[in-house]
Amino acid sequence: MLDYLQTANQFKDCWRKGFDKDKLWRAYLIACKDGWRDPTHPLEIADFQLKDSLEFLLKYPYMFWDWCRESGKTLWGSLLMTFCTICGEECYWMAKASNQFMRVQRLWNLNPFIVPRKPFPQRREVSTINGETISMSILDREENASGPHPYLLILDEYAQMDLELIAKAMFMPQAGGRVLVISTPILGSPTTTIRQDPKFKTITHTYLDCKWRIPSEVESRKIKGMEWKWEQDMNCKEVLAQGAVFPNVSETHSFPIQFDRICQGVDFNGTVNKNICIQIGYRSEQLFILKEIVFQYKLDDRLLQSQVLEYPTEVESGGWNDIFAPNLTGVTKMSFAENKGLSKIDRIKELLKQIIYINPQLCPNLLKDLRNALWGADEKVDTNDLHYLSALMHAVGAKPRYLPSTPSNQEVIHQEMRREKEYARSRLT
């Protein structure tokens, strides 16, 4: 039987001496196959899995494995990371949730080069048999996106991750390091963005590339009314959900320099202890999403007041808002709960009149809400959890301010605007 400790050390020595990585990788896979710890489900190697992993090691340091469901993304990511680790390179695995974290630990336990341990959600390290360590974390807060500077960084289930945390994590790899993103795509998620990133080589494989699967069985999994979900999971298509409200959303990175008019909408306490402001611009009757801004509840009320004085702004009203929300001046107010929700439907119809242009990097949360908005069985749209969308719906209804033209009233408004702007500048500096 193969001495895996000795073999691991030989791989490490050959790697440091610059031996052919192609041959080392193939030899490693043969060793893994022979010593795989699950005899009922032996390690199988498909042509595309071998090809993609070799291209990542030898050719493309930034890759996105845009593979379908059950195609072996996590398994082959774990194989790559184990190989680089036993060769002496620092490696870091990031997942979005604990269930993904547990899955990769179970896969590592099957690898003959790993010291098996019981999977645990709070585990942060996995040990190889030659004394090297794989570091792990869940990318759910900023502090987890900094610290080590690995040679290899793998982001598992990338589509579910937060773009701001991803942006910070991308600074982690050392100079000359490698980044592998693995995920099934989801429209409007980070996979939509990374597909457009020229730095990353995107490799797509559908269920038809998985030769061990029977196409008729895979196709039988389609559920009536949810065909879009099957297309997304098995054909790697970024598609709108059936019943999606906004098929007229267009992602762009090019905006006009000037706008005919700019408006804003505010949803109070939209997320926990936060107020959300969406700023939009119209140019030749085309709608552009300019900003999504978050203000801390109560702590940033004066900053929010300064912001709403910049452009015509409509804010949420009614119920909780009339009691607890900041009493902003210079705004119009609207309650979507009135008129049996007809005001909300009118705003949605207004948004559907034209293409909605949005920059996914500037407004990722609003884009997510637009993708997740669905028509209900009652032909209404539930926006209770879509707070950025609610703010947008207020923005399209914002009306110009009608202020008395007397010098005294104008001067009062100007003084208030100057005072709030000065306060805002002092907070920012």
Protein backbone atom coordinates (compact mmCIF):
# COMPACT_ATOMS: atom_id res chain seq x y z
CA MET A 1 0.00 0.00 0.00
CA LEU A 2 1.19 3.51 -0.83
CA ASP A 3 2.91 5.42 1.99
CA TYR A 4 0.88 8.65 1.77
CA LEU A 5 3.01 10.61 4.24
CA GLN A 6 6.15 9.87 2.23
CA THR A 7 4.29 10.61 -1.01
CA ALA A 8 3.04 13.95 0.32
CA ASN A 9 6.58 14.97 1.25
CA GLN A 10 7.79 13.92 -2.19
CA PHE A 11 5.16 16.10 -3.83
CA LYS A 12 6.24 19.01 -1.63
CA ASP A 13 9.90 18.53 -2.55
CA CYS A 14 9.15 18.24 -6.27
CA TRP A 15 6.92 21.33 -6.18
CA ARG A 16 9.64 23.43 -4.56
CA LYS A 17 12.20 22.23 -7.12
CA GLY A 18 9.93 23.31 -9.98
CA PHE A 19 8.99 19.90 -11.35
CA ASP A 20 6.31 19.64 -14.05
CA LYS A 21 3.01 20.53 -12.32
CA ASP A 22 1.02 18.66 -14.95
CA LYS A 23 2.73 15.38 -14.04
CA LEU A 24 2.57 16.11 -10.30
CA TRP A 25 -1.17 16.81 -10.47
CA ARG A 26 -1.91 13.65 -12.44
CA ALA A 27 0.19 11.55 -10.03
CA TYR A 28 -1.63 13.12 -7.08
CA LEU A 29 -5.05 12.26 -8.58
CA ILE A 30 -4.00 8.64 -9.12
CA ALA A 31 -2.90 8.46 -5.47
CA CYS A 32 -6.22 10.00 -4.34
CA LYS A 33 -8.19 7.56 -6.46
CA ASP A 34 -6.31 4.56 -5.05
CA GLY A 35 -6.67 5.65 -1.44
CA TRP A 36 -10.16 7.21 -1.54
CA ARG A 37 -11.87 6.46 1.77
CA ASP A 38 -15.35 5.74 0.40
CA PRO A 39 -15.31 2.40 -1.47
CA THR A 40 -19.03 2.69 -2.24
CA HIS A 41 -18.48 5.98 -4.09
CA PRO A 42 -14.96 5.85 -5.57
CA LEU A 43 -13.30 8.97 -6.95
CA GLU A 44 -14.17 9.32 -10.63
CA ILE A 45 -12.38 11.72 -12.97
CA ALA A 46 -14.25 13.28 -15.89
CA ASP A 47 -12.34 14.77 -18.80
CA PHE A 48 -13.61 18.30 -18.22
CA GLN A 49 -12.74 18.17 -14.50
CA LEU A 50 -9.15 17.18 -15.26
CA LYS A 51 -8.84 19.77 -18.04
CA ASP A 52 -10.27 22.66 -16.01
CA SER A 53 -8.13 21.91 -12.94
CA LEU A 54 -4.96 21.71 -15.06
CA GLU A 55 -5.77 24.99 -16.79
CA PHE A 56 -6.23 26.62 -13.39
CA LEU A 57 -2.87 25.32 -12.11
CA LEU A 58 -0.91 26.06 -15.27
CA LYS A 59 -2.62 28.79 -17.28
CA TYR A 60 -5.35 30.89 -15.67
CA PRO A 61 -4.69 32.15 -12.10
CA TYR A 62 -8.24 33.58 -11.88
CA MET A 63 -11.02 31.18 -12.82
CA PHE A 64 -14.78 30.87 -12.39
CA TRP A 65 -16.05 27.29 -12.54
CA ASP A 66 -19.55 27.94 -13.85
CA TRP A 67 -20.58 24.32 -13.46
CA CYS A 68 -24.12 22.96 -13.09
CA ARG A 69 -25.52 21.36 -9.96
CA GLU A 70 -23.99 18.02 -8.88
CA SER A 71 -21.05 18.38 -11.27
CA GLY A 72 -18.32 18.06 -8.64
CA LYS A 73 -17.44 21.74 -8.08
CA THR A 74 -16.80 21.46 -4.34
CA LEU A 75 -15.12 18.05 -4.66
CA TRP A 76 -12.61 19.27 -7.23
CA GLY A 77 -12.02 22.48 -5.34
CA SER A 78 -11.18 20.39 -2.26
CA LEU A 79 -8.81 18.20 -4.31
CA LEU A 80 -6.99 21.26 -5.67
CA MET A 81 -6.65 22.85 -2.26
CA THR A 82 -5.33 19.65 -0.66
CA PHE A 83 -2.75 19.28 -3.44
CA CYS A 84 -1.45 22.84 -3.06
CA THR A 85 -1.40 22.51 0.73
CA ILE A 86 0.63 19.29 0.88
CA CYS A 87 3.06 20.99 -1.54
CA GLY A 88 3.66 23.65 1.13
CA GLU A 89 1.49 26.50 -0.17
CA GLU A 90 -0.78 28.52 2.14
CA CYS A 91 -4.44 27.96 1.19
CA TYR A 92 -7.73 29.49 2.33
CA TRP A 93 -11.27 28.17 1.76
CA MET A 94 -14.28 30.49 2.07
CA ALA A 95 -17.94 29.49 2.04
CA LYS A 96 -21.13 31.50 2.47
CA ALA A 97 -22.95 29.25 4.93
CA SER A 98 -22.25 26.51 7.46
CA ASN A 99 -23.94 23.76 5.42
CA GLN A 100 -21.41 24.32 2.60
CA PHE A 101 -18.69 24.41 5.25
CA MET A 102 -19.74 21.00 6.53
CA ARG A 103 -19.92 19.51 3.03
CA VAL A 104 -16.32 20.34 2.12
CA GLN A 105 -15.11 18.94 5.45
CA ARG A 106 -16.83 15.63 4.67
CA LEU A 107 -15.13 15.57 1.26
CA TRP A 108 -11.75 16.29 2.81
CA ASN A 109 -12.22 13.36 5.19
CA LEU A 110 -12.36 11.07 2.13
CA ASN A 111 -9.00 12.31 0.84
CA PRO A 112 -6.08 10.03 1.85
CA PHE A 113 -3.80 13.07 2.25
CA ILE A 114 -6.02 14.62 4.96
CA VAL A 115 -6.14 13.80 8.68
CA PRO A 116 -9.85 12.91 9.11
CA ARG A 117 -11.81 14.71 11.81
CA LYS A 118 -15.51 14.99 12.59
CA PRO A 119 -17.05 17.86 10.57
CA PHE A 120 -17.88 20.85 12.73
CA PRO A 121 -19.46 24.23 11.77
CA GLN A 122 -16.95 26.22 13.84
CA ARG A 123 -13.86 24.44 12.51
CA ARG A 124 -11.31 26.83 11.05
CA GLU A 125 -8.49 24.44 10.11
CA VAL A 126 -7.98 21.10 8.35
CA SER A 127 -4.67 19.23 8.67
CA THR A 128 -2.82 17.27 6.00
CA ILE A 129 -0.88 14.12 6.88
CA ASN A 130 2.45 15.90 6.34
CA GLY A 131 1.68 18.60 8.90
CA GLU A 132 0.38 21.39 6.65
CA THR A 133 -2.86 23.31 7.35
CA ILE A 134 -5.83 24.47 5.29
CA SER A 135 -7.52 27.58 6.74
CA MET A 136 -11.30 28.05 6.47
CA SER A 137 -13.91 30.67 7.26
CA ILE A 138 -17.47 31.66 6.46
CA LEU A 139 -17.57 34.94 4.52
CA ASP A 140 -20.32 36.60 6.54
CA ARG A 141 -18.49 39.63 7.98
CA GLU A 142 -15.58 41.92 7.16
CA GLU A 143 -13.08 40.53 9.65
CA ASN A 144 -13.25 37.14 7.88
CA ALA A 145 -12.15 38.78 4.62
CA SER A 146 -8.73 39.82 5.87
CA GLY A 147 -5.71 38.36 7.63
CA PRO A 148 -3.83 35.58 5.81
CA HIS A 149 -2.36 36.04 2.34
CA PRO A 150 -2.75 32.63 0.72
CA TYR A 151 -1.32 31.27 -2.49
CA LEU A 152 -4.74 29.74 -3.24
CA LEU A 153 -8.12 31.27 -2.33
CA ILE A 154 -11.32 29.36 -3.15
CA LEU A 155 -14.76 30.99 -2.83
CA ASP A 156 -17.48 28.32 -2.61
CA GLU A 157 -21.08 29.08 -3.73
CA TYR A 158 -20.02 32.51 -4.92
CA ALA A 159 -23.53 33.46 -6.10
CA GLN A 160 -24.75 33.68 -2.50
CA MET A 161 -21.95 35.93 -1.23
CA ASP A 162 -22.08 39.66 -0.51
CA LEU A 163 -20.31 41.77 -3.14
CA GLU A 164 -18.78 44.15 -0.58
CA LEU A 165 -17.23 41.26 1.34
CA ILE A 166 -16.05 39.67 -1.91
CA ALA A 167 -14.33 42.92 -2.91
CA LYS A 168 -12.40 42.91 0.35
CA ALA A 169 -11.54 39.20 0.14
CA MET A 170 -9.99 39.69 -3.31
CA PHE A 171 -7.13 41.60 -1.63
CA MET A 172 -6.16 38.54 0.40
CA PRO A 173 -4.14 36.39 -2.08
CA GLN A 174 -0.39 36.94 -2.14
CA ALA A 175 1.39 38.30 -5.19
CA GLY A 176 1.32 35.61 -7.82
CA GLY A 177 -1.48 33.79 -6.00
CA ARG A 178 -4.53 32.14 -7.51
CA VAL A 179 -8.30 32.62 -7.00
CA LEU A 180 -10.89 29.98 -7.86
CA VAL A 181 -14.59 30.83 -7.77
CA ILE A 182 -17.04 27.90 -7.81
CA SER A 183 -20.79 28.34 -8.13
CA THR A 184 -23.92 27.62 -10.11
CA PRO A 185 -25.02 31.00 -11.54
CA ILE A 186 -27.93 33.10 -10.33
CA LEU A 187 -29.18 36.13 -12.24
CA GLY A 188 -28.39 39.41 -10.47
CA SER A 189 -25.93 37.75 -8.07
CA PRO A 190 -22.11 38.09 -8.01
CA THR A 191 -21.93 35.41 -10.74
CA THR A 192 -23.54 37.90 -13.15
CA THR A 193 -20.75 40.37 -12.38
CA ILE A 194 -17.85 37.92 -12.52
CA ARG A 195 -18.94 36.61 -15.92
CA GLN A 196 -18.23 40.13 -17.22
CA ASP A 197 -14.83 40.43 -15.48
CA PRO A 198 -12.03 40.04 -18.07
CA LYS A 199 -9.57 38.99 -15.36
CA PHE A 200 -11.50 35.79 -14.66
CA LYS A 201 -11.64 32.90 -17.10
CA THR A 202 -15.21 31.54 -17.00
CA ILE A 203 -15.63 27.82 -17.75
CA THR A 204 -19.24 26.61 -18.16
CA HIS A 205 -20.41 22.98 -18.01
CA THR A 206 -24.06 21.87 -18.17
CA TYR A 207 -25.55 18.53 -17.17
CA LEU A 208 -24.82 17.22 -20.67
CA ASP A 209 -21.08 17.39 -19.89
CA CYS A 210 -21.56 15.10 -16.87
CA LYS A 211 -21.34 11.76 -18.68
CA TRP A 212 -22.13 9.78 -15.53
CA ARG A 213 -25.64 11.25 -15.48
CA ILE A 214 -28.61 10.03 -17.51
CA PRO A 215 -30.05 13.04 -19.40
CA SER A 216 -33.63 11.75 -19.27
CA GLU A 217 -33.47 11.44 -15.47
CA VAL A 218 -32.09 14.97 -15.12
CA GLU A 219 -34.76 16.36 -17.43
CA SER A 220 -37.47 14.58 -15.45
CA ARG A 221 -36.66 16.84 -12.48
CA LYS A 222 -38.35 19.82 -14.13
CA ILE A 223 -41.28 21.09 -12.09
CA LYS A 224 -44.16 22.74 -13.91
CA GLY A 225 -44.03 26.46 -13.37
CA MET A 226 -40.41 26.26 -12.19
CA GLU A 227 -38.71 25.43 -15.48
CA TRP A 228 -36.56 28.55 -15.08
CA LYS A 229 -35.04 27.07 -11.94
CA TRP A 230 -34.10 23.87 -13.80
CA GLU A 231 -32.51 25.94 -16.59
CA GLN A 232 -30.50 27.86 -14.02
CA ASP A 233 -29.28 24.82 -12.08
CA MET A 234 -28.70 22.34 -14.91
CA ASN A 235 -27.95 24.54 -17.96
CA CYS A 236 -26.15 27.36 -16.09
CA LYS A 237 -28.50 29.97 -17.57
CA GLU A 238 -29.03 33.22 -15.72
CA VAL A 239 -32.77 33.58 -16.19
CA LEU A 240 -35.56 35.51 -14.56
CA ALA A 241 -37.87 33.58 -12.28
CA GLN A 242 -41.27 32.78 -13.72
CA GLY A 243 -43.57 35.55 -12.56
CA ALA A 244 -40.72 38.07 -12.22
CA VAL A 245 -42.03 41.64 -12.07
CA PHE A 246 -39.18 43.47 -13.79
CA PRO A 247 -37.97 41.91 -17.05
CA ASN A 248 -36.97 45.45 -18.14
CA VAL A 249 -33.81 45.70 -15.99
CA SER A 250 -30.60 46.31 -17.94
CA GLU A 251 -27.15 46.27 -16.34
CA THR A 252 -24.75 48.96 -17.53
CA HIS A 253 -21.54 50.70 -16.49
CA SER A 254 -22.08 53.73 -18.76
CA PHE A 255 -24.31 56.58 -17.58
CA PRO A 256 -25.08 60.03 -19.08
CA ILE A 257 -23.07 62.96 -17.75
CA GLN A 258 -26.17 65.11 -17.25
CA PHE A 259 -29.79 64.31 -16.44
CA ASP A 260 -33.05 66.08 -17.17
CA ARG A 261 -34.14 65.54 -13.57
CA ILE A 262 -33.00 63.66 -10.47
CA CYS A 263 -35.33 62.31 -7.76
CA GLN A 264 -35.00 60.29 -4.57
CA GLY A 265 -37.06 57.88 -2.48
CA VAL A 266 -36.64 56.77 1.14
CA ASP A 267 -37.77 53.59 2.89
CA PHE A 268 -37.53 53.99 6.68
CA ASN A 269 -35.91 51.32 8.83
CA GLY A 270 -35.86 49.10 5.76
CA THR A 271 -33.29 46.74 7.21
CA VAL A 272 -32.38 46.39 10.86
CA ASN A 273 -31.75 49.93 12.18
CA LYS A 274 -31.22 51.35 8.68
CA ASN A 275 -32.98 53.83 6.41
CA ILE A 276 -32.52 53.41 2.66
CA CYS A 277 -32.34 56.17 0.05
CA ILE A 278 -32.45 55.43 -3.69
CA GLN A 279 -31.46 58.19 -6.15
CA ILE A 280 -32.60 58.02 -9.78
CA GLY A 281 -32.04 60.15 -12.86
CA TYR A 282 -34.06 60.64 -16.04
CA ARG A 283 -32.45 61.39 -19.39
CA SER A 284 -34.66 61.60 -22.51
CA GLU A 285 -37.31 59.62 -20.57
CA GLN A 286 -34.83 56.84 -19.77
CA LEU A 287 -34.50 55.80 -16.11
CA PHE A 288 -31.06 55.37 -14.52
CA ILE A 289 -30.40 54.18 -10.96
CA LEU A 290 -27.69 56.48 -9.63
CA LYS A 291 -27.16 55.53 -5.98
CA GLU A 292 -28.28 53.37 -3.10
CA ILE A 293 -27.41 54.99 0.22
CA VAL A 294 -27.86 53.52 3.69
CA PHE A 295 -28.27 55.72 6.78
CA GLN A 296 -28.06 54.39 10.33
CA TYR A 297 -31.40 54.69 12.09
CA LYS A 298 -31.41 57.76 14.39
CA LEU A 299 -27.60 58.13 14.31
CA ASP A 300 -27.62 59.46 10.73
CA ASP A 301 -30.94 61.32 10.76
CA ARG A 302 -29.26 64.69 10.14
CA LEU A 303 -27.22 63.26 7.29
CA LEU A 304 -30.43 61.87 5.81
CA GLN A 305 -32.10 65.28 6.19
CA SER A 306 -29.22 66.87 4.29
CA GLN A 307 -29.49 64.24 1.54
CA VAL A 308 -33.23 64.70 0.93
CA LEU A 309 -32.77 68.45 0.52
CA GLU A 310 -30.48 67.86 -2.47
CA TYR A 311 -33.24 66.65 -4.83
CA PRO A 312 -37.02 66.16 -4.80
CA THR A 313 -37.65 63.26 -2.43
CA GLU A 314 -40.64 61.15 -1.46
CA VAL A 315 -40.54 59.18 1.79
CA GLU A 316 -42.51 56.33 3.30
CA SER A 317 -45.39 57.26 5.61
CA GLY A 318 -48.17 55.65 7.59
CA GLY A 319 -48.28 53.44 10.67
CA TRP A 320 -44.88 52.94 12.31
CA ASN A 321 -43.28 55.60 10.12
CA ASP A 322 -45.51 58.41 11.42
CA ILE A 323 -44.42 57.66 15.00
CA PHE A 324 -40.79 56.54 14.87
CA ALA A 325 -39.29 57.70 11.56
CA PRO A 326 -37.41 61.03 11.40
CA ASN A 327 -39.69 63.96 10.61
CA LEU A 328 -37.90 65.15 7.48
CA THR A 329 -38.59 68.57 5.97
CA GLY A 330 -38.69 69.43 2.28
CA VAL A 331 -40.12 66.02 1.24
CA THR A 332 -43.41 64.59 0.01
CA LYS A 333 -44.90 61.54 1.72
CA MET A 334 -46.72 58.42 0.53
CA SER A 335 -48.24 55.38 2.24
CA PHE A 336 -48.46 52.31 0.01
CA ALA A 337 -50.90 50.75 2.47
CA GLU A 338 -53.63 53.21 1.43
CA ASN A 339 -56.09 52.62 -1.42
CA LYS A 340 -55.80 48.83 -0.97
CA GLY A 341 -52.29 48.88 -2.39
CA LEU A 342 -53.30 50.52 -5.68
CA SER A 343 -50.64 53.21 -5.22
CA LYS A 344 -47.97 50.49 -5.16
CA ILE A 345 -49.33 48.94 -8.37
CA ASP A 346 -49.31 52.38 -10.03
CA ARG A 347 -45.64 52.83 -9.12
CA ILE A 348 -44.75 49.39 -10.51
CA LYS A 349 -46.54 50.24 -13.75
CA GLU A 350 -44.53 53.46 -13.88
CA LEU A 351 -41.29 51.50 -13.51
CA LEU A 352 -42.34 49.12 -16.28
CA LYS A 353 -42.82 51.91 -18.83
CA GLN A 354 -39.11 52.06 -19.70
CA ILE A 355 -35.87 50.17 -19.33
CA ILE A 356 -34.35 50.46 -15.86
CA TYR A 357 -30.59 50.98 -16.25
CA ILE A 358 -28.54 49.99 -13.21
CA ASN A 359 -24.85 49.55 -12.38
CA PRO A 360 -24.60 46.24 -10.45
CA GLN A 361 -21.45 47.36 -8.63
CA LEU A 362 -22.96 50.63 -7.40
CA CYS A 363 -26.42 49.29 -6.53
CA PRO A 364 -26.14 45.53 -5.84
CA ASN A 365 -28.89 45.43 -3.20
CA LEU A 366 -31.49 47.19 -5.35
CA LEU A 367 -30.60 44.93 -8.28
CA LYS A 368 -31.17 41.91 -6.05
CA ASP A 369 -34.59 43.25 -5.01
CA LEU A 370 -35.55 43.87 -8.63
CA ARG A 371 -34.63 40.29 -9.52
CA ASN A 372 -36.48 38.84 -6.53
CA ALA A 373 -39.76 40.74 -6.99
CA LEU A 374 -42.51 38.28 -8.04
CA TRP A 375 -46.17 38.63 -8.90
CA GLY A 376 -48.33 36.87 -6.32
CA ALA A 377 -51.42 34.76 -6.94
CA ASP A 378 -53.50 37.85 -6.06
CA GLU A 379 -51.71 39.84 -8.80
CA LYS A 380 -49.95 41.91 -6.16
CA VAL A 381 -46.26 42.23 -5.29
CA ASP A 382 -45.05 41.53 -1.75
CA THR A 383 -42.36 44.12 -1.01
CA ASN A 384 -42.19 43.56 2.76
CA ASP A 385 -38.61 42.28 2.50
CA LEU A 386 -37.67 44.25 -0.64
CA HIS A 387 -36.78 47.52 1.05
CA TYR A 388 -34.49 48.86 -1.68
CA LEU A 389 -37.27 48.31 -4.21
CA SER A 390 -39.71 50.14 -1.92
CA ALA A 391 -37.35 53.12 -1.83
CA LEU A 392 -37.16 53.06 -5.65
CA MET A 393 -40.96 53.04 -5.88
CA HIS A 394 -41.00 56.18 -3.73
CA ALA A 395 -38.33 57.77 -5.93
CA VAL A 396 -40.42 57.49 -9.12
CA GLY A 397 -43.23 59.35 -7.34
CA ALA A 398 -41.11 62.20 -6.00
CA LYS A 399 -42.56 65.59 -6.99
CA PRO A 400 -40.77 68.94 -7.32
CA ARG A 401 -40.87 71.08 -4.21
CA TYR A 402 -43.35 73.93 -4.32
CA LEU A 403 -41.94 76.57 -2.00
CA PRO A 404 -43.33 80.06 -1.46
CA SER A 405 -41.31 82.56 -3.47
CA THR A 406 -41.04 85.23 -0.77
CA PRO A 407 -37.44 86.13 0.10
CA SER A 408 -37.94 85.30 3.77
CA ASN A 409 -39.15 81.76 3.14
CA GLN A 410 -36.45 81.13 0.54
CA GLU A 411 -33.77 82.31 2.94
CA VAL A 412 -35.06 80.00 5.69
CA ILE A 413 -34.79 77.01 3.35
CA HIS A 414 -31.32 78.02 2.18
CA GLN A 415 -30.11 78.46 5.74
CA GLU A 416 -31.43 75.02 6.68
CA MET A 417 -29.71 73.42 3.69
CA ARG A 418 -26.40 75.14 4.51
CA ARG A 419 -26.63 74.08 8.15
CA GLU A 420 -27.33 70.43 7.30
CA LYS A 421 -24.57 70.33 4.66
CA GLU A 422 -22.04 71.71 7.15
CA TYR A 423 -23.08 69.08 9.68
CA ALA A 424 -22.77 66.35 7.04
CA ARG A 425 -19.27 67.52 6.09
CA SER A 426 -18.20 67.52 9.75
CA ARG A 427 -19.42 63.91 10.13
CA LEU A 428 -17.55 62.78 7.03
CA THR A 429 -14.27 64.39 8.06
